[in-house]
């Protein structure tokens, strides 16, 4: 996943709102969001190459999402798949704090990543480069391929769009957020960061919604967690022409109304 924005404990109806795009090579086999058939209780898309996921929830109210850290010089081809971190947490019985304590000792097994997760209050953010865990206060957060709230143009734009959407009613909120995730506006060259991939890649990686020949936004996902414990998990997947090819909607009720 390459872009995620979240509103945490700001909306009167939804204490957690997450809007996210997963960007990946089109050749990488992927299954759309579904309940996994391995008794884990996980609802998520699935990377069919390594078996993990980039974002998901469970019926017990556990949530996790991950983005890669873009640093070509630090990539190790033999590292473990980062998607396993998300699926391992979702299937785990450990608290968020316990899981992150263990992960801090094991994160060197993976290439660089950011992780947001929660199974009880509060939400936590972890960065594998700094090895720091942050308990998130109420607010709006943005995450791409650097650290939390690094002011890349698309992070700034997505956070502003999310903030503006909070005044919408619940019906309009979904439409507004999916429109936000489809924004393919490129940043001006003067606003681009040098992340080590060259100016041409920096340009086509700069929008919220990415369109390139072999790589791009594969899916957009919304998570809306209501105060009464209801979770809405909605995903749109896209083909190589950036046309929506499937929409999945899952609604379930957790037993604990105060998980998030």
C-alpha atoms as a PDB file:
ATOM      1  CA  UNK A   1       0.000   0.000   0.000  1.00  0.00           C
ATOM      2  CA  UNK A   2       1.323   3.395  -0.893  1.00  0.00           C
ATOM      3  CA  UNK A   3      -1.128   5.890   0.540  1.00  0.00           C
ATOM      4  CA  UNK A   4      -3.305   5.891   3.624  1.00  0.00           C
ATOM      5  CA  UNK A   5      -5.147   8.666   5.418  1.00  0.00           C
ATOM      6  CA  UNK A   6      -7.060   8.227   8.650  1.00  0.00           C
ATOM      7  CA  UNK A   7      -9.362  10.314  10.820  1.00  0.00           C
ATOM      8  CA  UNK A   8      -9.180   9.027  14.373  1.00  0.00           C
ATOM      9  CA  UNK A   9     -11.850   9.956  16.916  1.00  0.00           C
ATOM     10  CA  UNK A  10     -12.929  13.142  15.118  1.00  0.00           C
ATOM     11  CA  UNK A  11     -16.181  12.189  13.375  1.00  0.00           C
ATOM     12  CA  UNK A  12     -19.383  12.057  15.510  1.00  0.00           C
ATOM     13  CA  UNK A  13     -20.509   8.767  13.943  1.00  0.00           C
ATOM     14  CA  UNK A  14     -17.259   7.071  12.880  1.00  0.00           C
ATOM     15  CA  UNK A  15     -14.398   7.139  15.414  1.00  0.00           C
ATOM     16  CA  UNK A  16     -12.120   5.568  12.795  1.00  0.00           C
ATOM     17  CA  UNK A  17     -12.159   6.398   9.089  1.00  0.00           C
ATOM     18  CA  UNK A  18      -9.451   5.006   6.834  1.00  0.00           C
ATOM     19  CA  UNK A  19      -9.085   5.664   3.099  1.00  0.00           C
ATOM     20  CA  UNK A  20      -6.227   3.887   1.353  1.00  0.00           C
ATOM     21  CA  UNK A  21      -4.757   3.015  -2.040  1.00  0.00           C
ATOM     22  CA  UNK A  22      -2.631  -0.034  -2.703  1.00  0.00           C
ATOM     23  CA  UNK A  23      -0.088   0.534  -5.485  1.00  0.00           C
ATOM     24  CA  UNK A  24       1.614  -2.531  -6.929  1.00  0.00           C
ATOM     25  CA  UNK A  25       2.897  -4.130 -10.126  1.00  0.00           C
ATOM     26  CA  UNK A  26      -0.035  -5.397 -12.192  1.00  0.00           C
ATOM     27  CA  UNK A  27       1.704  -8.741 -12.728  1.00  0.00           C
ATOM     28  CA  UNK A  28       1.648  -9.548  -8.989  1.00  0.00           C
ATOM     29  CA  UNK A  29      -1.273 -11.945  -8.369  1.00  0.00           C
ATOM     30  CA  UNK A  30      -3.803 -10.624  -5.876  1.00  0.00           C
ATOM     31  CA  UNK A  31      -7.181 -11.658  -4.480  1.00  0.00           C
ATOM     32  CA  UNK A  32      -9.803  -8.970  -3.725  1.00  0.00           C
ATOM     33  CA  UNK A  33     -11.063  -8.403  -0.173  1.00  0.00           C
ATOM     34  CA  UNK A  34     -12.710 -11.505   1.262  1.00  0.00           C
ATOM     35  CA  UNK A  35     -12.923 -13.534   4.462  1.00  0.00           C
ATOM     36  CA  UNK A  36      -9.935 -15.848   4.458  1.00  0.00           C
ATOM     37  CA  UNK A  37     -10.743 -19.558   4.638  1.00  0.00           C
ATOM     38  CA  UNK A  38      -8.040 -20.444   7.173  1.00  0.00           C
ATOM     39  CA  UNK A  39     -10.069 -19.886  10.375  1.00  0.00           C
ATOM     40  CA  UNK A  40      -8.140 -16.659  11.070  1.00  0.00           C
ATOM     41  CA  UNK A  41     -11.237 -14.462  10.835  1.00  0.00           C
ATOM     42  CA  UNK A  42      -9.343 -12.047   8.591  1.00  0.00           C
ATOM     43  CA  UNK A  43     -11.175  -9.831   6.108  1.00  0.00           C
ATOM     44  CA  UNK A  44      -8.672  -8.473   3.601  1.00  0.00           C
ATOM     45  CA  UNK A  45      -7.313  -8.642   0.107  1.00  0.00           C
ATOM     46  CA  UNK A  46      -4.496 -11.128  -0.276  1.00  0.00           C
ATOM     47  CA  UNK A  47      -1.121 -11.151  -1.959  1.00  0.00           C
ATOM     48  CA  UNK A  48      -1.137 -14.520  -3.725  1.00  0.00           C
ATOM     49  CA  UNK A  49       2.631 -14.439  -4.171  1.00  0.00           C
ATOM     50  CA  UNK A  50       3.568 -14.526  -0.476  1.00  0.00           C
ATOM     51  CA  UNK A  51       0.226 -14.929   1.311  1.00  0.00           C
ATOM     52  CA  UNK A  52       0.124 -11.700   3.323  1.00  0.00           C
ATOM     53  CA  UNK A  53      -1.881  -8.504   2.964  1.00  0.00           C
ATOM     54  CA  UNK A  54      -1.460  -4.744   3.034  1.00  0.00           C
ATOM     55  CA  UNK A  55      -4.590  -3.885   5.059  1.00  0.00           C
ATOM     56  CA  UNK A  56      -7.297  -5.809   6.841  1.00  0.00           C
ATOM     57  CA  UNK A  57      -9.668  -6.222   9.770  1.00  0.00           C
ATOM     58  CA  UNK A  58     -11.191  -9.026  11.804  1.00  0.00           C
ATOM     59  CA  UNK A  59     -14.652  -9.536  13.252  1.00  0.00           C
ATOM     60  CA  UNK A  60     -13.153  -8.980  16.687  1.00  0.00           C
ATOM     61  CA  UNK A  61     -12.229  -5.438  15.632  1.00  0.00           C
ATOM     62  CA  UNK A  62      -8.508  -5.808  14.964  1.00  0.00           C
ATOM     63  CA  UNK A  63      -7.190  -3.523  12.238  1.00  0.00           C
ATOM     64  CA  UNK A  64      -3.798  -3.139  10.563  1.00  0.00           C
ATOM     65  CA  UNK A  65      -2.371  -1.453   7.468  1.00  0.00           C
ATOM     66  CA  UNK A  66       1.149  -1.221   6.104  1.00  0.00           C
ATOM     67  CA  UNK A  67       3.079   0.905   3.622  1.00  0.00           C
ATOM     68  CA  UNK A  68       6.591   0.342   2.313  1.00  0.00           C
ATOM     69  CA  UNK A  69       9.413   2.789   2.965  1.00  0.00           C
ATOM     70  CA  UNK A  70      10.839   3.887  -0.395  1.00  0.00           C
ATOM     71  CA  UNK A  71      14.607   3.574  -0.190  1.00  0.00           C
ATOM     72  CA  UNK A  72      16.100   1.700  -3.167  1.00  0.00           C
ATOM     73  CA  UNK A  73      19.558   1.583  -1.591  1.00  0.00           C
ATOM     74  CA  UNK A  74      18.265  -0.293   1.455  1.00  0.00           C
ATOM     75  CA  UNK A  75      16.231  -2.972  -0.349  1.00  0.00           C
ATOM     76  CA  UNK A  76      17.329  -6.550   0.380  1.00  0.00           C
ATOM     77  CA  UNK A  77      15.939  -9.108  -2.119  1.00  0.00           C
ATOM     78  CA  UNK A  78      15.939 -11.940   0.419  1.00  0.00           C
ATOM     79  CA  UNK A  79      13.950 -10.136   3.114  1.00  0.00           C
ATOM     80  CA  UNK A  80      10.653 -11.518   4.408  1.00  0.00           C
ATOM     81  CA  UNK A  81       7.434 -10.291   2.810  1.00  0.00           C
ATOM     82  CA  UNK A  82       6.136  -7.259   4.702  1.00  0.00           C
ATOM     83  CA  UNK A  83       2.538  -8.271   4.074  1.00  0.00           C
ATOM     84  CA  UNK A  84       2.992 -11.098   6.557  1.00  0.00           C
ATOM     85  CA  UNK A  85       3.300  -8.518   9.342  1.00  0.00           C
ATOM     86  CA  UNK A  86      -0.300  -7.411   8.819  1.00  0.00           C
ATOM     87  CA  UNK A  87      -1.727 -10.918   8.572  1.00  0.00           C
ATOM     88  CA  UNK A  88       0.327 -12.083  11.574  1.00  0.00           C
ATOM     89  CA  UNK A  89      -1.085  -9.289  13.722  1.00  0.00           C
ATOM     90  CA  UNK A  90      -4.652  -9.855  12.588  1.00  0.00           C
ATOM     91  CA  UNK A  91      -4.385 -13.561  13.412  1.00  0.00           C
ATOM     92  CA  UNK A  92      -2.576 -12.946  16.699  1.00  0.00           C
ATOM     93  CA  UNK A  93      -4.028 -12.997  20.204  1.00  0.00           C
ATOM     94  CA  UNK A  94      -1.452 -10.487  21.435  1.00  0.00           C
ATOM     95  CA  UNK A  95      -2.368  -6.929  22.304  1.00  0.00           C
ATOM     96  CA  UNK A  96      -1.132  -4.209  19.966  1.00  0.00           C
ATOM     97  CA  UNK A  97       1.571  -3.209  22.458  1.00  0.00           C
ATOM     98  CA  UNK A  98       2.764  -6.802  22.893  1.00  0.00           C
ATOM     99  CA  UNK A  99       2.880  -7.392  19.151  1.00  0.00           C
ATOM    100  CA  UNK A 100       4.823  -4.183  18.503  1.00  0.00           C
ATOM    101  CA  UNK A 101       7.317  -4.954  21.261  1.00  0.00           C
ATOM    102  CA  UNK A 102       8.135  -8.232  19.544  1.00  0.00           C
ATOM    103  CA  UNK A 103       8.141  -6.613  16.091  1.00  0.00           C
ATOM    104  CA  UNK A 104      10.702  -4.030  17.189  1.00  0.00           C
ATOM    105  CA  UNK A 105      13.148  -6.899  17.735  1.00  0.00           C
ATOM    106  CA  UNK A 106      12.296  -8.608  14.437  1.00  0.00           C
ATOM    107  CA  UNK A 107      11.753  -5.713  12.010  1.00  0.00           C
ATOM    108  CA  UNK A 108      15.266  -6.111  10.611  1.00  0.00           C
ATOM    109  CA  UNK A 109      14.028  -9.268   8.875  1.00  0.00           C
ATOM    110  CA  UNK A 110      11.974  -7.065   6.542  1.00  0.00           C
ATOM    111  CA  UNK A 111      12.657  -4.202   4.173  1.00  0.00           C
ATOM    112  CA  UNK A 112      11.542  -0.811   5.489  1.00  0.00           C
ATOM    113  CA  UNK A 113       7.888  -0.343   6.409  1.00  0.00           C
ATOM    114  CA  UNK A 114       5.296   1.706   8.276  1.00  0.00           C
ATOM    115  CA  UNK A 115       2.531   0.037  10.258  1.00  0.00           C
ATOM    116  CA  UNK A 116      -0.698   1.353  11.776  1.00  0.00           C
ATOM    117  CA  UNK A 117      -2.651  -1.080  13.918  1.00  0.00           C
ATOM    118  CA  UNK A 118      -5.181  -1.408  16.677  1.00  0.00           C
ATOM    119  CA  UNK A 119      -7.231  -4.004  18.473  1.00  0.00           C
ATOM    120  CA  UNK A 120      -8.059  -1.865  21.453  1.00  0.00           C
ATOM    121  CA  UNK A 121      -7.593   1.820  22.275  1.00  0.00           C
ATOM    122  CA  UNK A 122      -5.451   3.560  21.160  1.00  0.00           C
ATOM    123  CA  UNK A 123      -4.231   3.098  17.593  1.00  0.00           C
ATOM    124  CA  UNK A 124      -0.461   2.724  17.240  1.00  0.00           C
ATOM    125  CA  UNK A 125       2.016   3.703  14.548  1.00  0.00           C
ATOM    126  CA  UNK A 126       5.360   1.944  14.082  1.00  0.00           C
ATOM    127  CA  UNK A 127       8.238   2.757  11.712  1.00  0.00           C
ATOM    128  CA  UNK A 128      10.864   0.076  11.097  1.00  0.00           C
ATOM    129  CA  UNK A 129      13.640   2.558  10.330  1.00  0.00           C
ATOM    130  CA  UNK A 130      13.378   4.496  13.596  1.00  0.00           C
ATOM    131  CA  UNK A 131      11.990   1.466  15.484  1.00  0.00           C
ATOM    132  CA  UNK A 132       9.708   3.878  17.331  1.00  0.00           C
ATOM    133  CA  UNK A 133       6.119   3.205  18.375  1.00  0.00           C
ATOM    134  CA  UNK A 134       3.702   6.125  18.725  1.00  0.00           C
ATOM    135  CA  UNK A 135       0.279   5.966  20.359  1.00  0.00           C
ATOM    136  CA  UNK A 136      -1.955   8.098  18.153  1.00  0.00           C
ATOM    137  CA  UNK A 137      -4.011  10.907  19.651  1.00  0.00           C
ATOM    138  CA  UNK A 138      -7.275  11.995  17.992  1.00  0.00           C
ATOM    139  CA  UNK A 139      -6.444  13.638  14.679  1.00  0.00           C
ATOM    140  CA  UNK A 140      -5.993  13.279  10.938  1.00  0.00           C
ATOM    141  CA  UNK A 141      -2.991  11.308   9.750  1.00  0.00           C
ATOM    142  CA  UNK A 142      -1.380  10.665   6.380  1.00  0.00           C
ATOM    143  CA  UNK A 143       1.069   7.978   5.390  1.00  0.00           C
ATOM    144  CA  UNK A 144       2.811   7.181   2.143  1.00  0.00           C
ATOM    145  CA  UNK A 145       6.307   5.755   1.628  1.00  0.00           C
ATOM    146  CA  UNK A 146       8.205   7.793   4.204  1.00  0.00           C
ATOM    147  CA  UNK A 147       7.292   8.405   7.834  1.00  0.00           C
ATOM    148  CA  UNK A 148       3.916   9.353   9.277  1.00  0.00           C
ATOM    149  CA  UNK A 149       2.738  12.783   8.067  1.00  0.00           C
ATOM    150  CA  UNK A 150       5.828  13.391   5.927  1.00  0.00           C
ATOM    151  CA  UNK A 151       4.538  16.320   3.819  1.00  0.00           C
ATOM    152  CA  UNK A 152       4.641  14.784   0.358  1.00  0.00           C
ATOM    153  CA  UNK A 153       2.186  16.617  -1.954  1.00  0.00           C
ATOM    154  CA  UNK A 154      -0.219  13.687  -2.197  1.00  0.00           C
ATOM    155  CA  UNK A 155      -0.190  13.192   1.575  1.00  0.00           C
ATOM    156  CA  UNK A 156      -1.016  16.863   2.129  1.00  0.00           C
ATOM    157  CA  UNK A 157      -3.768  16.759  -0.497  1.00  0.00           C
ATOM    158  CA  UNK A 158      -5.274  13.531   0.818  1.00  0.00           C
ATOM    159  CA  UNK A 159      -5.306  14.771   4.415  1.00  0.00           C
ATOM    160  CA  UNK A 160      -7.014  18.001   3.349  1.00  0.00           C
ATOM    161  CA  UNK A 161      -9.586  16.038   1.369  1.00  0.00           C
ATOM    162  CA  UNK A 162     -10.281  13.738   4.304  1.00  0.00           C
ATOM    163  CA  UNK A 163     -10.680  16.676   6.675  1.00  0.00           C
ATOM    164  CA  UNK A 164     -13.172  18.319   4.319  1.00  0.00           C
ATOM    165  CA  UNK A 165     -15.129  15.076   3.981  1.00  0.00           C
ATOM    166  CA  UNK A 166     -15.808  14.875   7.722  1.00  0.00           C
ATOM    167  CA  UNK A 167     -18.625  17.391   7.343  1.00  0.00           C
ATOM    168  CA  UNK A 168     -20.437  15.070   4.920  1.00  0.00           C
ATOM    169  CA  UNK A 169     -23.259  12.784   5.934  1.00  0.00           C
ATOM    170  CA  UNK A 170     -22.579   9.062   6.091  1.00  0.00           C
ATOM    171  CA  UNK A 171     -23.977   8.440   2.592  1.00  0.00           C
ATOM    172  CA  UNK A 172     -21.973  11.194   0.908  1.00  0.00           C
ATOM    173  CA  UNK A 173     -18.851  10.297   2.905  1.00  0.00           C
ATOM    174  CA  UNK A 174     -18.227   7.090   0.972  1.00  0.00           C
ATOM    175  CA  UNK A 175     -18.595   8.761  -2.428  1.00  0.00           C
ATOM    176  CA  UNK A 176     -16.409  11.691  -1.428  1.00  0.00           C
ATOM    177  CA  UNK A 177     -13.609   9.464  -0.141  1.00  0.00           C
ATOM    178  CA  UNK A 178     -13.559   7.227  -3.203  1.00  0.00           C
ATOM    179  CA  UNK A 179     -13.427  10.351  -5.377  1.00  0.00           C
ATOM    180  CA  UNK A 180     -10.474  11.535  -3.313  1.00  0.00           C
ATOM    181  CA  UNK A 181      -8.664   8.243  -3.817  1.00  0.00           C
ATOM    182  CA  UNK A 182      -9.119   8.564  -7.616  1.00  0.00           C
ATOM    183  CA  UNK A 183      -7.308  11.913  -7.803  1.00  0.00           C
ATOM    184  CA  UNK A 184      -4.552  11.499 -10.412  1.00  0.00           C
ATOM    185  CA  UNK A 185      -3.154  15.045 -10.176  1.00  0.00           C
ATOM    186  CA  UNK A 186       0.643  15.012 -10.461  1.00  0.00           C
ATOM    187  CA  UNK A 187       2.778  17.194  -8.218  1.00  0.00           C
ATOM    188  CA  UNK A 188       4.839  20.000  -9.702  1.00  0.00           C
ATOM    189  CA  UNK A 189       8.519  19.163 -10.137  1.00  0.00           C
ATOM    190  CA  UNK A 190       9.392  21.800  -7.542  1.00  0.00           C
ATOM    191  CA  UNK A 191       7.363  19.879  -4.940  1.00  0.00           C
ATOM    192  CA  UNK A 192       8.834  16.447  -5.591  1.00  0.00           C
ATOM    193  CA  UNK A 193      11.072  14.740  -3.062  1.00  0.00           C
ATOM    194  CA  UNK A 194      14.193  12.861  -4.146  1.00  0.00           C
ATOM    195  CA  UNK A 195      13.559   9.317  -2.919  1.00  0.00           C
ATOM    196  CA  UNK A 196      16.230   7.735  -5.092  1.00  0.00           C
ATOM    197  CA  UNK A 197      14.116   6.499  -8.024  1.00  0.00           C
ATOM    198  CA  UNK A 198      14.816   9.288 -10.553  1.00  0.00           C
ATOM    199  CA  UNK A 199      12.750  12.269 -11.645  1.00  0.00           C
ATOM    200  CA  UNK A 200      10.524  10.400 -14.133  1.00  0.00           C
ATOM    201  CA  UNK A 201       9.391   7.861 -11.521  1.00  0.00           C
ATOM    202  CA  UNK A 202       8.989  10.606  -8.932  1.00  0.00           C
ATOM    203  CA  UNK A 203       6.546  12.279 -11.322  1.00  0.00           C
ATOM    204  CA  UNK A 204       4.322   9.303 -12.006  1.00  0.00           C
ATOM    205  CA  UNK A 205       4.438   8.164  -8.383  1.00  0.00           C
ATOM    206  CA  UNK A 206       3.346  11.600  -7.123  1.00  0.00           C
ATOM    207  CA  UNK A 207      -0.474  11.394  -7.554  1.00  0.00           C
ATOM    208  CA  UNK A 208      -2.875   9.887  -5.041  1.00  0.00           C
ATOM    209  CA  UNK A 209      -4.061   7.521  -7.800  1.00  0.00           C
ATOM    210  CA  UNK A 210      -1.197   6.156  -9.887  1.00  0.00           C
ATOM    211  CA  UNK A 211      -1.406   5.166 -13.537  1.00  0.00           C
ATOM    212  CA  UNK A 212       1.646   3.687 -15.239  1.00  0.00           C
ATOM    213  CA  UNK A 213       2.310   0.965 -17.793  1.00  0.00           C
ATOM    214  CA  UNK A 214       3.238  -1.895 -15.484  1.00  0.00           C
ATOM    215  CA  UNK A 215       2.519  -0.404 -12.052  1.00  0.00           C
ATOM    216  CA  UNK A 216      -0.329   1.516 -10.509  1.00  0.00           C
ATOM    217  CA  UNK A 217      -3.171   1.704  -8.014  1.00  0.00           C
ATOM    218  CA  UNK A 218      -4.610  -1.800  -7.804  1.00  0.00           C
ATOM    219  CA  UNK A 219      -7.342  -1.096  -5.267  1.00  0.00           C
ATOM    220  CA  UNK A 220      -8.920   1.597  -3.113  1.00  0.00           C
ATOM    221  CA  UNK A 221     -10.257   0.651   0.306  1.00  0.00           C
ATOM    222  CA  UNK A 222     -12.424   2.370   2.899  1.00  0.00           C
ATOM    223  CA  UNK A 223     -12.796   1.338   6.511  1.00  0.00           C
ATOM    224  CA  UNK A 224     -15.590   3.031   8.452  1.00  0.00           C
ATOM    225  CA  UNK A 225     -15.849   2.039  12.105  1.00  0.00           C
ATOM    226  CA  UNK A 226     -19.045   3.177  13.825  1.00  0.00           C
ATOM    227  CA  UNK A 227     -19.395   3.987  17.503  1.00  0.00           C
ATOM    228  CA  UNK A 228     -21.850   1.111  17.976  1.00  0.00           C
ATOM    229  CA  UNK A 229     -19.195  -1.399  16.877  1.00  0.00           C
ATOM    230  CA  UNK A 230     -20.279  -1.787  13.259  1.00  0.00           C
ATOM    231  CA  UNK A 231     -17.475  -2.023  10.700  1.00  0.00           C
ATOM    232  CA  UNK A 232     -17.891  -1.220   7.015  1.00  0.00           C
ATOM    233  CA  UNK A 233     -15.085  -2.454   4.751  1.00  0.00           C
ATOM    234  CA  UNK A 234     -15.470  -1.392   1.112  1.00  0.00           C
ATOM    235  CA  UNK A 235     -13.013  -2.081  -1.689  1.00  0.00           C
ATOM    236  CA  UNK A 236     -12.789  -1.152  -5.358  1.00  0.00           C
ATOM    237  CA  UNK A 237     -10.249  -2.961  -7.532  1.00  0.00           C
ATOM    238  CA  UNK A 238      -8.834  -1.671 -10.820  1.00  0.00           C
ATOM    239  CA  UNK A 239      -7.375  -3.148 -13.977  1.00  0.00           C
ATOM    240  CA  UNK A 240      -4.382  -1.974 -16.010  1.00  0.00           C
ATOM    241  CA  UNK A 241      -6.555   0.670 -17.692  1.00  0.00           C
ATOM    242  CA  UNK A 242      -7.515   2.009 -14.225  1.00  0.00           C
ATOM    243  CA  UNK A 243     -11.124   0.964 -14.749  1.00  0.00           C
ATOM    244  CA  UNK A 244     -12.960  -0.385 -11.716  1.00  0.00           C
ATOM    245  CA  UNK A 245     -13.441  -4.119 -12.194  1.00  0.00           C
ATOM    246  CA  UNK A 246     -14.986  -5.130  -8.869  1.00  0.00           C
ATOM    247  CA  UNK A 247     -16.554  -3.648  -5.773  1.00  0.00           C
ATOM    248  CA  UNK A 248     -16.884  -5.555  -2.518  1.00  0.00           C
ATOM    249  CA  UNK A 249     -18.749  -4.392   0.577  1.00  0.00           C
ATOM    250  CA  UNK A 250     -18.604  -6.117   3.935  1.00  0.00           C
ATOM    251  CA  UNK A 251     -20.503  -4.986   7.027  1.00  0.00           C
ATOM    252  CA  UNK A 252     -20.212  -6.691  10.390  1.00  0.00           C
ATOM    253  CA  UNK A 253     -20.818  -5.999  14.059  1.00  0.00           C
ATOM    254  CA  UNK A 254     -18.140  -6.465  16.702  1.00  0.00           C
ATOM    255  CA  UNK A 255     -19.009  -7.531  20.222  1.00  0.00           C
ATOM    256  CA  UNK A 256     -17.069  -4.662  21.777  1.00  0.00           C
ATOM    257  CA  UNK A 257     -18.427  -1.188  20.992  1.00  0.00           C
ATOM    258  CA  UNK A 258     -15.283   0.532  22.267  1.00  0.00           C
ATOM    259  CA  UNK A 259     -12.516  -1.353  20.429  1.00  0.00           C
ATOM    260  CA  UNK A 260     -11.470   1.620  18.326  1.00  0.00           C
END
